[in-house]
Every structure is written in C-alpha cells, then in structure tokens.
C-alpha cells in the first residue's frame, strides 16, 4: 500500500466532480434541495468505470446498479467519513435476491479479515488495562496448546506482536470457513490441522521477524493465546472491550450470528450470482475472519484508533496504545507495512498516510480505509464474491470525486498487431486444473475474444506487447513459446494454465 505522498489538488478534485458527477436521471431542482452529504453520496451512483482505462479511448461511464449487475453483486453498503465524523452512508441493491429486501445502513455483513484489526484492538485494550507481554514467546502464554518447535527457536521468538503483524513466520494464509451442516472444529483442531478442520496445521517455516507473510494462522494462534491468558472467549471480550465502549451496536464475533442480529443480515452470493449454499459460512477462526459488522461500525473503530493516535480523544485507548497499533513491525521499510492488525499506508518518507484492511469471506467482500491527518475515509461491504472488483471501482470513484484514498485507475496502451501476428495466438487451449475446460481464442481487432464456457463468454482482450493481452477488468493472458518460437501455452493472471491443442 505504499504510495507517493503527492495528491491531487482541490481544483482537480472539483473538476472531476463537475465532469463525472452529473446524474441526468435526477432533476436539477431535486439536486438543489439536497444537502451536501446527499449530493456527495449520489456521486457514487454514477460515473463508475472499469479499473483499467485505455489510452486515447473515451470513458464508458456506468451507474452503480449497472456495475452491480455486471459483477453479480446483489448489494453494496458504503459509509463515508469526513474530518473524523460520519458524513453519509449509501446502500444499493438487496440483502437477499429471494425476498428482495433492500439493504439499509444497519444491514450486517461478514467482515472477513477486517476481523484481524478488530481483534488486535481488543487485545491491545486488554493489555492496556491488565498488562500483556507482546514480545515474549507465545508458548509462555499458551496453556491449551503449544506451537511446535521450529528451527529458529533459540534465535527468534514467535510473539504476539509478530503474530498480529504477519512477521512471525507462521503458515496458513486464510480460512474458507464451514458451510451449513459441516462440523466446525475447535481452535486447537484448526491449529493442528486435524479433522474437521479443512486447512493445514499452523507451523513456523520461515525465520520469525525476517519478513512479512500474511498468515491467518498466526492470528488464530494469537486468539488462542489471549483466550488462554484471560479465560474468556473472544465474543464476550470483544463486546466488553471494543463494541460496547465505542457504540458499535451492529458488530459481533458470534458465529453463527446471534438470533438478535439475524433479522438484518445480508445473504452471501457466489461469483455466478447464485446464493452460497446454506447461507453464511461459520468461521471457527473468529479473530482471523469471524466478525459481523457494518460499514459505519468499522469506521467508528478506525476513528477511535486515529483519535487516540493524534491525542485528541483517549477515552477508549491511550495515545501510547494507539501509536503501537499504528507502528509498522515490518522488518524493512518496504511495503507492505503492518502494525497491530492494520495495514499502514506510508509515504516514501515514512509518513503515515492512512490505515485499513480488506476482508473476504465466502460470499462477502469488504474494504476499510481512513486517512490519518484528514480523518477522511470509507468502508465498503458487499454480499458477493465479485465484490472486490466493484469495491475497486468505487475506491477509484471516491479518489476522483473526493480525493480520499489511494486507488488510481490504470491506463494501458494498445500495441497494434498485424493479422499474421494475431493469428499465432488463435486456437483452443486445454485447461485441466483447477477445472477441465477449453479456452477458445478468436480474432478481434488488435486482440482477441476469450471464451471458457460457462465461466467466460467473448471477453475482449487487447494486445499490450510481449505476448501479453489485457481485459478491461484487469485480467491478463500471457502466451508462452517453444524454442522454435511457436505458441504452446497460455497462463492467466489467476494462475490458470492451458496448453494449445493441435
């Protein structure tokens, strides 16, 4: 997330509002009667584009509803903060395609990995009140399980600070959760990788402190350590130390979601637009992926950390605690920079620009970001597996319209191809993993149409040079040649590979 510290001027921001902010479907008289927050929220309903833009081609602007339909995302909820105060919320679509009940600002979504900074906040609040060594060997804190000995155990410790900043060297990136009617393991079973756990054991396979590697397994280990120390489960701890003090009334670590909150929860949907079978997955790994929340509540949490960091409001946590939360524990100055749970967006000079986290559970995608100095930021939650693509487009729109965030569109240049050159790439390519499917490449101007039924139909790709083609959604296809120069294989940026048929 490290970016250049330079930002657009206010004049450019105003210009973009004028160019992209016109919604012809709303009469001018109605607009003039709207408050500024209402006018701002409406800007997200128009002027959206793909993340990729093509040099010298006019933008094709679409509405939020059109982009939701394109991505098969039934519902999206947004909260926007200005100067540290909630400014407006926006909801579009439905929480369930069967009932067609619309979203509202209190509709809850699974927050995925945004659970990690929330858990980090709980742990740091507990530490502030009771004391807890963040730098001791975690095995000294654990009573119900022990991390297996690793080859660096005499040199480097696996500590809570490292576990919460993904620098402890632990394995297991993330967790898929457990579908309806599936047995749910205990934390010890998850850490051991034994049934009914559906992930491998959590081990240390790189030197602790040597580099950052994302590890939900490490966060899970930290959760067990805190529960062992306190004798209290995370849901009750989080309510007492985080949710209740900050007034986060629509947030919970209970899995499955409690009956009290179930009346206004979003239904999760897969990439093809069908509902996740049995509804929301259950996550045994609460600290890593198990929080239910709303965009408003997530911004409330981020605001509390920011206010304490700046020393303007320390009623919840002290400034010293907040500074530790937003201090990068990465072993180098290179991004990504991670503090206690939060990813930290830093300038090349080491200045904190903002902080946040993304989230992905089955059928849910989310993003949280708050600028440190301005107090401007946003939280976006969706109930579709393609929600990350929609979120990316919304973040670009927020940056262009309000100059908030760090997301910029990517502009690509089409490299012309002759008919003969293009013909080399055409044909059918056989894919065997992770599914068996034929990828068919057919001619189109300066590129091709890619079909892999039933997953992709006639997706246009343009040539960008060096045997690589791009689609407007950001995906790429790269072709490989044998020693004679003939095309033999293709690879997609998601790791799928295909071999050309004769």
Protein backbone atom coordinates (compact mmCIF):
# COMPACT_ATOMS: atom_id res chain seq x y z
CA UNK A 1 0.00 0.00 0.00
CA UNK A 2 2.99 2.37 -0.08
CA UNK A 3 2.25 5.20 -2.49
CA UNK A 4 3.70 8.54 -3.45
CA UNK A 5 2.75 11.24 -0.97
CA UNK A 6 1.71 13.66 -3.71
CA UNK A 7 -2.06 14.04 -4.03
CA UNK A 8 -4.36 15.79 -6.45
CA UNK A 9 -5.11 19.44 -5.90
CA UNK A 10 -8.50 20.68 -4.81
CA UNK A 11 -9.01 22.23 -8.24
CA UNK A 12 -8.61 18.86 -9.94
CA UNK A 13 -10.96 17.26 -7.44
CA UNK A 14 -13.61 19.90 -8.13
CA UNK A 15 -13.10 19.43 -11.87
CA UNK A 16 -13.69 15.69 -11.57
CA UNK A 17 -16.86 16.35 -9.58
CA UNK A 18 -18.11 18.52 -12.39
CA UNK A 19 -17.17 16.11 -15.17
CA UNK A 20 -18.15 12.81 -13.59
CA UNK A 21 -20.74 13.84 -11.04
CA UNK A 22 -23.68 14.61 -13.32
CA UNK A 23 -26.65 12.31 -12.81
CA UNK A 24 -29.11 13.12 -15.60
CA UNK A 25 -31.79 10.94 -14.04
CA UNK A 26 -32.20 13.40 -11.13
CA UNK A 27 -33.93 16.72 -11.91
CA UNK A 28 -31.80 19.75 -11.15
CA UNK A 29 -34.42 21.15 -8.77
CA UNK A 30 -34.27 17.98 -6.68
CA UNK A 31 -30.49 18.18 -6.57
CA UNK A 32 -30.54 21.77 -5.38
CA UNK A 33 -32.74 20.73 -2.46
CA UNK A 34 -30.32 18.02 -1.39
CA UNK A 35 -27.79 18.53 1.39
CA UNK A 36 -24.10 18.35 0.54
CA UNK A 37 -23.74 14.84 2.04
CA UNK A 38 -26.73 13.69 -0.03
CA UNK A 39 -25.22 15.15 -3.18
CA UNK A 40 -21.89 13.52 -2.41
CA UNK A 41 -23.41 10.10 -1.80
CA UNK A 42 -25.25 10.31 -5.12
CA UNK A 43 -21.90 10.73 -6.90
CA UNK A 44 -21.15 7.07 -6.18
CA UNK A 45 -24.26 6.04 -8.07
CA UNK A 46 -22.93 7.42 -11.37
CA UNK A 47 -19.67 7.82 -13.22
CA UNK A 48 -18.22 4.38 -12.46
CA UNK A 49 -15.77 2.76 -14.84
CA UNK A 50 -13.61 -0.33 -15.03
CA UNK A 51 -10.31 -0.20 -13.16
CA UNK A 52 -8.44 -0.40 -16.47
CA UNK A 53 -8.63 2.50 -18.90
CA UNK A 54 -7.31 2.51 -22.45
CA UNK A 55 -5.17 5.39 -23.63
CA UNK A 56 -6.87 7.70 -26.14
CA UNK A 57 -10.25 5.97 -25.74
CA UNK A 58 -13.28 7.74 -24.27
CA UNK A 59 -14.51 6.55 -20.89
CA UNK A 60 -17.68 4.49 -20.80
CA UNK A 61 -19.41 5.71 -17.63
CA UNK A 62 -21.94 3.49 -15.91
CA UNK A 63 -24.19 3.58 -12.87
CA UNK A 64 -23.62 1.69 -9.65
CA UNK A 65 -26.60 -0.53 -10.43
CA UNK A 66 -25.11 -1.38 -13.83
CA UNK A 67 -21.77 -2.30 -12.26
CA UNK A 68 -23.50 -4.43 -9.61
CA UNK A 69 -25.36 -6.31 -12.33
CA UNK A 70 -22.15 -6.73 -14.33
CA UNK A 71 -20.32 -8.21 -11.31
CA UNK A 72 -23.25 -10.25 -9.92
CA UNK A 73 -23.14 -8.34 -6.63
CA UNK A 74 -26.68 -8.05 -5.17
CA UNK A 75 -25.92 -5.42 -2.55
CA UNK A 76 -23.33 -2.85 -1.52
CA UNK A 77 -23.23 -0.65 1.56
CA UNK A 78 -20.91 2.36 1.92
CA UNK A 79 -20.11 4.69 4.80
CA UNK A 80 -18.04 7.86 4.29
CA UNK A 81 -16.23 9.81 6.98
CA UNK A 82 -15.06 13.43 6.69
CA UNK A 83 -12.86 15.13 9.29
CA UNK A 84 -13.33 12.18 11.61
CA UNK A 85 -17.12 12.38 11.55
CA UNK A 86 -19.53 10.07 9.78
CA UNK A 87 -20.73 12.17 6.83
CA UNK A 88 -23.09 9.91 4.91
CA UNK A 89 -24.00 6.35 4.08
CA UNK A 90 -25.19 4.82 0.84
CA UNK A 91 -26.85 1.50 0.12
CA UNK A 92 -27.65 0.00 -3.26
CA UNK A 93 -29.37 -3.28 -4.03
CA UNK A 94 -30.77 -6.01 -1.83
CA UNK A 95 -29.60 -8.17 1.02
CA UNK A 96 -31.35 -11.19 -0.45
CA UNK A 97 -32.41 -11.92 -4.04
CA UNK A 98 -35.25 -14.18 -2.95
CA UNK A 99 -37.01 -11.75 -0.64
CA UNK A 100 -35.75 -8.63 -2.46
CA UNK A 101 -35.47 -6.87 0.87
CA UNK A 102 -33.32 -3.76 0.35
CA UNK A 103 -30.17 -3.05 2.29
CA UNK A 104 -30.12 -0.34 4.91
CA UNK A 105 -27.28 1.20 6.89
CA UNK A 106 -27.77 -1.37 9.68
CA UNK A 107 -27.52 -4.45 7.43
CA UNK A 108 -24.69 -6.65 8.66
CA UNK A 109 -22.09 -8.42 6.53
CA UNK A 110 -19.27 -10.78 7.38
CA UNK A 111 -16.19 -8.57 7.53
CA UNK A 112 -13.65 -11.27 6.66
CA UNK A 113 -10.10 -10.26 7.52
CA UNK A 114 -11.14 -6.86 8.86
CA UNK A 115 -11.70 -9.08 11.90
CA UNK A 116 -7.92 -9.01 12.36
CA UNK A 117 -7.53 -5.31 13.27
CA UNK A 118 -10.70 -5.56 15.39
CA UNK A 119 -9.16 -8.45 17.30
CA UNK A 120 -5.91 -6.52 17.56
CA UNK A 121 -7.84 -3.64 19.12
CA UNK A 122 -9.43 -5.98 21.66
CA UNK A 123 -6.05 -7.44 22.59
CA UNK A 124 -4.43 -4.01 22.93
CA UNK A 125 -7.29 -2.69 25.09
CA UNK A 126 -6.92 -5.73 27.35
CA UNK A 127 -3.16 -5.19 27.52
CA UNK A 128 -3.61 -1.52 28.44
CA UNK A 129 -5.85 -2.48 31.36
CA UNK A 130 -4.19 -5.69 32.54
CA UNK A 131 -0.70 -5.91 31.11
CA UNK A 132 0.42 -8.43 28.50
CA UNK A 133 3.90 -9.02 27.09
CA UNK A 134 3.67 -8.63 23.31
CA UNK A 135 7.27 -9.72 22.79
CA UNK A 136 7.58 -12.89 24.84
CA UNK A 137 7.44 -16.38 23.33
CA UNK A 138 3.75 -17.12 22.73
CA UNK A 139 4.23 -20.62 24.17
CA UNK A 140 4.72 -18.96 27.57
CA UNK A 141 1.19 -17.58 27.31
CA UNK A 142 -0.50 -20.69 25.92
CA UNK A 143 -1.93 -23.32 28.27
CA UNK A 144 -4.27 -25.31 25.99
CA UNK A 145 -1.80 -25.91 23.13
CA UNK A 146 1.83 -25.42 22.23
CA UNK A 147 3.31 -24.21 18.96
CA UNK A 148 5.60 -26.97 17.63
CA UNK A 149 9.30 -26.20 17.97
CA UNK A 150 10.85 -24.59 14.89
CA UNK A 151 14.47 -24.48 13.72
CA UNK A 152 14.95 -20.84 14.83
CA UNK A 153 13.55 -21.30 18.35
CA UNK A 154 16.88 -20.49 20.01
CA UNK A 155 17.31 -17.29 17.95
CA UNK A 156 13.91 -15.69 17.37
CA UNK A 157 10.60 -15.89 19.24
CA UNK A 158 7.09 -16.16 17.89
CA UNK A 159 5.46 -13.30 19.78
CA UNK A 160 2.03 -11.69 19.81
CA UNK A 161 3.45 -8.57 18.17
CA UNK A 162 4.82 -10.63 15.31
CA UNK A 163 1.72 -12.78 15.02
CA UNK A 164 -0.51 -9.72 14.71
CA UNK A 165 1.75 -8.10 12.11
CA UNK A 166 2.26 -11.24 9.99
CA UNK A 167 6.00 -11.37 10.72
CA UNK A 168 6.11 -14.49 12.90
CA UNK A 169 6.81 -16.92 10.06
CA UNK A 170 3.61 -18.91 10.61
CA UNK A 171 1.76 -20.83 7.91
CA UNK A 172 -1.86 -20.90 6.64
CA UNK A 173 -2.82 -17.81 4.71
CA UNK A 174 -6.59 -17.88 5.21
CA UNK A 175 -9.64 -19.94 6.08
CA UNK A 176 -12.63 -20.93 3.90
CA UNK A 177 -14.98 -21.41 6.84
CA UNK A 178 -17.55 -24.17 7.21
CA UNK A 179 -20.75 -24.47 5.20
CA UNK A 180 -24.13 -25.28 6.69
CA UNK A 181 -24.30 -28.80 8.18
CA UNK A 182 -20.49 -29.12 8.23
CA UNK A 183 -18.81 -29.88 11.54
CA UNK A 184 -16.96 -26.89 12.99
CA UNK A 185 -13.57 -27.58 14.60
CA UNK A 186 -12.13 -26.16 17.80
CA UNK A 187 -9.23 -23.72 17.64
CA UNK A 188 -6.86 -26.49 18.72
CA UNK A 189 -8.07 -28.69 15.85
CA UNK A 190 -7.56 -25.79 13.44
CA UNK A 191 -4.02 -25.19 14.72
CA UNK A 192 -3.22 -28.92 14.48
CA UNK A 193 -4.84 -29.18 11.06
CA UNK A 194 -6.88 -32.20 12.20
CA UNK A 195 -10.45 -33.04 11.20
CA UNK A 196 -12.90 -31.50 10.95
CA UNK A 197 -10.52 -28.60 10.16
CA UNK A 198 -10.25 -28.01 6.41
CA UNK A 199 -6.84 -26.30 6.48
CA UNK A 200 -3.35 -27.50 7.26
CA UNK A 201 -1.50 -27.20 10.58
CA UNK A 202 -0.13 -23.87 11.76
CA UNK A 203 3.64 -24.15 11.85
CA UNK A 204 6.67 -21.88 11.60
CA UNK A 205 8.54 -22.44 8.35
CA UNK A 206 10.43 -19.15 7.90
CA UNK A 207 12.54 -17.30 10.44
CA UNK A 208 10.37 -15.16 12.74
CA UNK A 209 10.97 -11.46 12.20
CA UNK A 210 12.73 -11.95 8.86
CA UNK A 211 9.90 -10.85 6.58
CA UNK A 212 6.19 -10.17 6.34
CA UNK A 213 3.99 -13.04 5.11
CA UNK A 214 0.25 -12.88 5.58
CA UNK A 215 -0.93 -15.56 7.99
CA UNK A 216 -4.45 -16.01 9.28
CA UNK A 217 -2.98 -18.99 11.09
CA UNK A 218 -0.85 -16.61 13.13
CA UNK A 219 -3.86 -14.51 14.09
CA UNK A 220 -5.67 -17.68 15.17
CA UNK A 221 -2.73 -18.61 17.38
CA UNK A 222 -2.86 -15.13 18.93
CA UNK A 223 -6.60 -15.56 19.62
CA UNK A 224 -5.99 -18.81 21.48
CA UNK A 225 -3.19 -17.20 23.49
CA UNK A 226 -5.40 -14.30 24.58
CA UNK A 227 -8.24 -16.64 25.49
CA UNK A 228 -5.83 -18.83 27.50
CA UNK A 229 -4.50 -15.80 29.39
CA UNK A 230 -7.92 -14.30 30.13
CA UNK A 231 -10.07 -17.41 30.47
CA UNK A 232 -12.64 -15.56 28.37
CA UNK A 233 -13.85 -16.26 24.83
CA UNK A 234 -13.38 -13.63 22.13
CA UNK A 235 -17.09 -12.75 21.52
CA UNK A 236 -17.64 -11.64 25.13
CA UNK A 237 -14.23 -9.95 25.33
CA UNK A 238 -14.88 -8.01 22.13
CA UNK A 239 -18.28 -6.84 23.35
CA UNK A 240 -16.85 -5.68 26.68
CA UNK A 241 -13.62 -4.10 25.42
CA UNK A 242 -14.45 -2.85 21.92
CA UNK A 243 -18.04 -2.91 20.69
CA UNK A 244 -19.86 -1.58 23.78
CA UNK A 245 -17.35 1.18 24.67
CA UNK A 246 -17.37 2.54 21.10
CA UNK A 247 -21.09 2.10 20.48
CA UNK A 248 -20.59 -0.47 17.72
CA UNK A 249 -24.12 -1.83 18.14
CA UNK A 250 -24.17 -3.81 14.89
CA UNK A 251 -20.94 -5.76 15.33
CA UNK A 252 -20.34 -9.21 16.79
CA UNK A 253 -17.85 -12.07 16.83
CA UNK A 254 -20.58 -14.64 17.47
CA UNK A 255 -20.53 -17.49 14.95
CA UNK A 256 -23.08 -18.29 13.68
CA UNK A 257 -24.61 -14.84 14.01
CA UNK A 258 -26.88 -14.38 17.02
CA UNK A 259 -30.66 -14.52 16.66
CA UNK A 260 -30.79 -10.91 17.89
CA UNK A 261 -28.85 -9.70 14.85
CA UNK A 262 -30.00 -12.22 12.25
CA UNK A 263 -33.04 -10.18 11.23
CA UNK A 264 -30.90 -7.72 9.23
CA UNK A 265 -28.00 -9.72 7.80
CA UNK A 266 -27.02 -9.92 4.14
CA UNK A 267 -27.17 -13.23 2.28
CA UNK A 268 -23.83 -14.19 0.64
CA UNK A 269 -23.61 -14.86 -3.10
CA UNK A 270 -21.07 -16.63 -5.29
CA UNK A 271 -19.32 -15.20 -8.36
CA UNK A 272 -22.00 -16.54 -10.71
CA UNK A 273 -24.73 -14.77 -8.78
CA UNK A 274 -26.15 -17.83 -7.02
CA UNK A 275 -26.56 -17.89 -3.26
CA UNK A 276 -23.94 -19.62 -1.12
CA UNK A 277 -25.49 -22.98 -0.27
CA UNK A 278 -26.84 -22.93 3.25
CA UNK A 279 -26.07 -19.25 3.73
CA UNK A 280 -23.13 -17.67 5.50
CA UNK A 281 -20.23 -19.93 6.42
CA UNK A 282 -19.30 -20.40 10.05
CA UNK A 283 -15.75 -19.35 10.95
CA UNK A 284 -14.12 -21.11 13.88
CA UNK A 285 -11.21 -18.68 13.45
CA UNK A 286 -13.02 -15.66 14.85
CA UNK A 287 -10.03 -13.32 15.15
CA UNK A 288 -8.94 -14.04 11.59
CA UNK A 289 -12.28 -13.96 9.78
CA UNK A 290 -15.31 -14.19 12.08
CA UNK A 291 -16.65 -10.68 12.69
CA UNK A 292 -20.06 -9.46 11.54
CA UNK A 293 -20.29 -5.70 11.13
CA UNK A 294 -21.49 -2.69 9.15
CA UNK A 295 -19.50 -0.02 7.28
CA UNK A 296 -20.48 2.56 9.92
CA UNK A 297 -19.24 0.43 12.81
CA UNK A 298 -15.94 -0.29 11.08
CA UNK A 299 -15.32 3.43 10.58
CA UNK A 300 -16.19 4.07 14.22
CA UNK A 301 -13.42 1.63 15.22
CA UNK A 302 -10.88 3.18 12.86
CA UNK A 303 -11.80 6.69 14.03
CA UNK A 304 -11.21 5.72 17.66
CA UNK A 305 -7.71 4.47 16.83
CA UNK A 306 -6.94 7.63 14.83
CA UNK A 307 -8.26 9.99 17.53
CA UNK A 308 -6.19 8.26 20.21
CA UNK A 309 -3.11 8.28 17.98
CA UNK A 310 -3.44 12.05 17.50
CA UNK A 311 -4.15 12.54 21.21
CA UNK A 312 -7.49 14.24 20.55
CA UNK A 313 -9.63 11.58 22.23
CA UNK A 314 -8.12 8.95 24.52
CA UNK A 315 -11.22 7.90 26.45
CA UNK A 316 -11.11 4.39 24.94
CA UNK A 317 -7.41 3.70 24.49
CA UNK A 318 -4.34 5.75 25.34
CA UNK A 319 -2.22 7.55 22.80
CA UNK A 320 0.65 5.18 23.56
CA UNK A 321 -1.54 2.17 22.77
CA UNK A 322 -2.74 3.71 19.52
CA UNK A 323 0.82 4.54 18.50
CA UNK A 324 1.78 0.89 18.98
CA UNK A 325 -1.22 -0.20 16.88
CA UNK A 326 -0.11 2.06 14.01
CA UNK A 327 3.62 1.39 14.22
CA UNK A 328 4.83 -0.87 11.44
CA UNK A 329 6.50 -4.08 12.61
CA UNK A 330 7.78 -4.97 9.16
CA UNK A 331 11.50 -5.86 9.18
CA UNK A 332 12.20 -3.42 6.32
CA UNK A 333 10.87 -0.06 5.17
CA UNK A 334 9.41 -1.65 2.06
CA UNK A 335 5.65 -2.13 1.84
CA UNK A 336 3.51 -3.82 2.97
CA UNK A 337 3.69 -2.20 6.37
CA UNK A 338 1.65 -3.80 9.14
CA UNK A 339 1.10 -2.67 12.70
CA UNK A 340 -1.13 -4.46 15.19
CA UNK A 341 -3.74 -5.81 12.77
CA UNK A 342 -3.92 -2.79 10.45
CA UNK A 343 -2.10 -2.37 7.16
CA UNK A 344 -0.45 1.05 7.16
CA UNK A 345 -0.23 3.20 4.03
CA UNK A 346 3.05 5.09 4.19
CA UNK A 347 4.78 7.63 2.00
CA UNK A 348 8.28 7.03 0.68
CA UNK A 349 9.50 9.25 3.52
CA UNK A 350 7.91 7.02 6.15
CA UNK A 351 4.95 9.28 6.94
CA UNK A 352 1.69 7.52 7.82
CA UNK A 353 -0.90 8.49 5.22
CA UNK A 354 -3.68 6.17 6.34
CA UNK A 355 -4.54 2.70 7.55
CA UNK A 356 -7.08 0.00 6.87
CA UNK A 357 -7.72 -3.58 5.87
CA UNK A 358 -9.63 -5.64 3.34
CA UNK A 359 -11.91 -8.56 4.02
CA UNK A 360 -13.01 -11.67 2.12
CA UNK A 361 -15.31 -14.39 3.46
CA UNK A 362 -17.34 -16.75 1.28
CA UNK A 363 -19.88 -14.51 -0.46
CA UNK A 364 -18.71 -11.30 1.22
CA UNK A 365 -16.07 -8.70 0.29
CA UNK A 366 -15.17 -5.58 2.28
CA UNK A 367 -12.70 -2.70 2.49
CA UNK A 368 -11.88 -0.19 5.25
CA UNK A 369 -9.57 2.83 4.91
CA UNK A 370 -9.07 6.02 6.95
CA UNK A 371 -6.61 8.82 6.30
CA UNK A 372 -4.61 9.76 9.38
CA UNK A 373 -4.28 13.54 9.02
CA UNK A 374 -7.58 14.47 7.37
CA UNK A 375 -9.84 11.97 9.12
CA UNK A 376 -11.43 11.25 5.74
CA UNK A 377 -12.16 7.66 4.85
CA UNK A 378 -14.63 5.00 3.85
CA UNK A 379 -15.86 1.50 4.49
CA UNK A 380 -17.48 -0.64 1.81
CA UNK A 381 -19.18 -4.01 2.29
CA UNK A 382 -20.74 -6.26 -0.35
CA UNK A 383 -22.57 -9.59 -0.39
CA UNK A 384 -20.95 -11.11 -3.49
CA UNK A 385 -17.69 -12.91 -4.22
CA UNK A 386 -17.07 -10.45 -7.05
CA UNK A 387 -17.46 -7.59 -4.61
CA UNK A 388 -13.73 -6.88 -4.63
CA UNK A 389 -13.97 -5.78 -8.27
CA UNK A 390 -16.89 -3.48 -7.52
CA UNK A 391 -15.08 -2.14 -4.45
CA UNK A 392 -12.04 -1.33 -6.58
CA UNK A 393 -14.21 0.70 -8.95
CA UNK A 394 -15.87 2.51 -6.05
CA UNK A 395 -12.50 3.32 -4.49
CA UNK A 396 -11.33 4.87 -7.76
CA UNK A 397 -14.54 6.91 -7.91
CA UNK A 398 -14.07 8.06 -4.30
CA UNK A 399 -10.50 9.11 -5.07
CA UNK A 400 -11.53 11.03 -8.19
CA UNK A 401 -14.61 12.66 -6.67
CA UNK A 402 -13.41 13.40 -3.12
CA UNK A 403 -9.60 12.95 -3.27
CA UNK A 404 -9.82 10.36 -0.49
CA UNK A 405 -7.85 7.09 -0.53
CA UNK A 406 -5.05 5.83 -2.71
CA UNK A 407 -6.77 4.00 -5.59
CA UNK A 408 -5.99 5.19 -9.10
CA UNK A 409 -7.15 3.74 -12.42
CA UNK A 410 -4.54 2.02 -14.55
CA UNK A 411 -4.13 3.26 -18.10
CA UNK A 412 -2.90 0.79 -20.71
CA UNK A 413 -1.78 1.35 -24.29
CA UNK A 414 -2.90 -0.97 -27.08
CA UNK A 415 0.02 -2.29 -29.14
CA UNK A 416 -1.05 -2.88 -32.72
CA UNK A 417 -0.77 -6.35 -34.26
CA UNK A 418 -0.81 -7.44 -37.88
CA UNK A 419 -3.30 -10.10 -38.98
CA UNK A 420 -0.49 -12.62 -39.30
CA UNK A 421 0.90 -11.82 -35.85
CA UNK A 422 -2.51 -12.12 -34.24
CA UNK A 423 -3.20 -15.47 -35.92
CA UNK A 424 -0.39 -17.07 -33.90
CA UNK A 425 -2.42 -16.77 -30.69
CA UNK A 426 -5.74 -18.02 -32.01
CA UNK A 427 -6.98 -21.51 -31.26
CA UNK A 428 -8.17 -23.72 -28.43
CA UNK A 429 -6.23 -24.27 -25.21
CA UNK A 430 -6.96 -27.18 -22.86
CA UNK A 431 -7.13 -26.47 -19.11
CA UNK A 432 -7.05 -29.38 -16.66
CA UNK A 433 -6.63 -27.61 -13.29
CA UNK A 434 -8.49 -26.47 -11.22
CA UNK A 435 -11.31 -27.33 -13.67
CA UNK A 436 -11.42 -29.08 -17.04
CA UNK A 437 -12.36 -26.54 -19.69
CA UNK A 438 -11.33 -25.38 -23.15
CA UNK A 439 -10.28 -21.77 -23.61
CA UNK A 440 -11.15 -20.62 -27.11
CA UNK A 441 -9.29 -17.63 -28.56
CA UNK A 442 -10.97 -15.95 -31.56
CA UNK A 443 -9.94 -12.96 -33.63
CA UNK A 444 -10.85 -9.38 -32.74
CA UNK A 445 -9.26 -6.05 -33.68
CA UNK A 446 -5.85 -5.61 -32.01
CA UNK A 447 -6.63 -8.58 -29.83
CA UNK A 448 -9.00 -11.48 -29.33
CA UNK A 449 -12.19 -12.69 -27.72
CA UNK A 450 -11.73 -15.29 -24.97
CA UNK A 451 -14.41 -17.87 -24.18
CA UNK A 452 -14.23 -20.53 -21.50
CA UNK A 453 -17.83 -21.71 -21.21
CA UNK A 454 -19.64 -21.49 -18.86
CA UNK A 455 -17.23 -19.21 -16.97
CA UNK A 456 -16.35 -16.55 -19.53
CA UNK A 457 -18.08 -15.61 -22.79
CA UNK A 458 -16.44 -13.48 -25.50
CA UNK A 459 -14.29 -11.41 -23.16
CA UNK A 460 -12.32 -8.86 -25.20
CA UNK A 461 -8.55 -8.76 -24.69
CA UNK A 462 -6.20 -6.19 -26.24
CA UNK A 463 -2.51 -6.61 -27.02
CA UNK A 464 -0.15 -4.81 -24.65
CA UNK A 465 3.09 -6.26 -26.03
CA UNK A 466 5.47 -9.13 -25.30
CA UNK A 467 2.90 -11.90 -25.84
CA UNK A 468 0.57 -10.43 -23.20
CA UNK A 469 -3.04 -9.30 -23.60
CA UNK A 470 -5.29 -7.48 -21.12
CA UNK A 471 -9.00 -7.25 -20.44
CA UNK A 472 -10.76 -4.16 -19.19
CA UNK A 473 -11.35 -5.78 -15.77
CA UNK A 474 -7.59 -6.02 -15.19
CA UNK A 475 -7.10 -9.69 -16.00
CA UNK A 476 -4.26 -10.67 -18.33
CA UNK A 477 -3.34 -13.59 -20.58
CA UNK A 478 0.32 -14.31 -21.35
CA UNK A 479 1.39 -16.77 -24.04
CA UNK A 480 4.47 -19.00 -23.97
CA UNK A 481 6.56 -20.19 -26.91
CA UNK A 482 8.78 -23.19 -27.53
CA UNK A 483 12.37 -22.96 -28.78
CA UNK A 484 11.17 -22.62 -32.35
CA UNK A 485 9.04 -19.61 -31.42
CA UNK A 486 5.67 -21.34 -31.77
CA UNK A 487 2.92 -20.61 -29.24
CA UNK A 488 2.41 -23.63 -26.97
CA UNK A 489 0.72 -22.49 -23.75
CA UNK A 490 -1.11 -19.64 -22.10
CA UNK A 491 -1.32 -18.52 -18.50
CA UNK A 492 -3.90 -16.30 -16.85
CA UNK A 493 -3.01 -13.94 -14.05
CA UNK A 494 -5.12 -16.03 -11.65
CA UNK A 495 -2.74 -18.96 -12.15
CA UNK A 496 -4.82 -20.97 -14.62
CA UNK A 497 -2.74 -22.52 -17.41
CA UNK A 498 -3.76 -24.02 -20.74
CA UNK A 499 -1.97 -25.99 -23.46
CA UNK A 500 -2.68 -25.30 -27.11
CA UNK A 501 -4.48 -28.09 -28.95
CA UNK A 502 -3.25 -29.21 -32.37
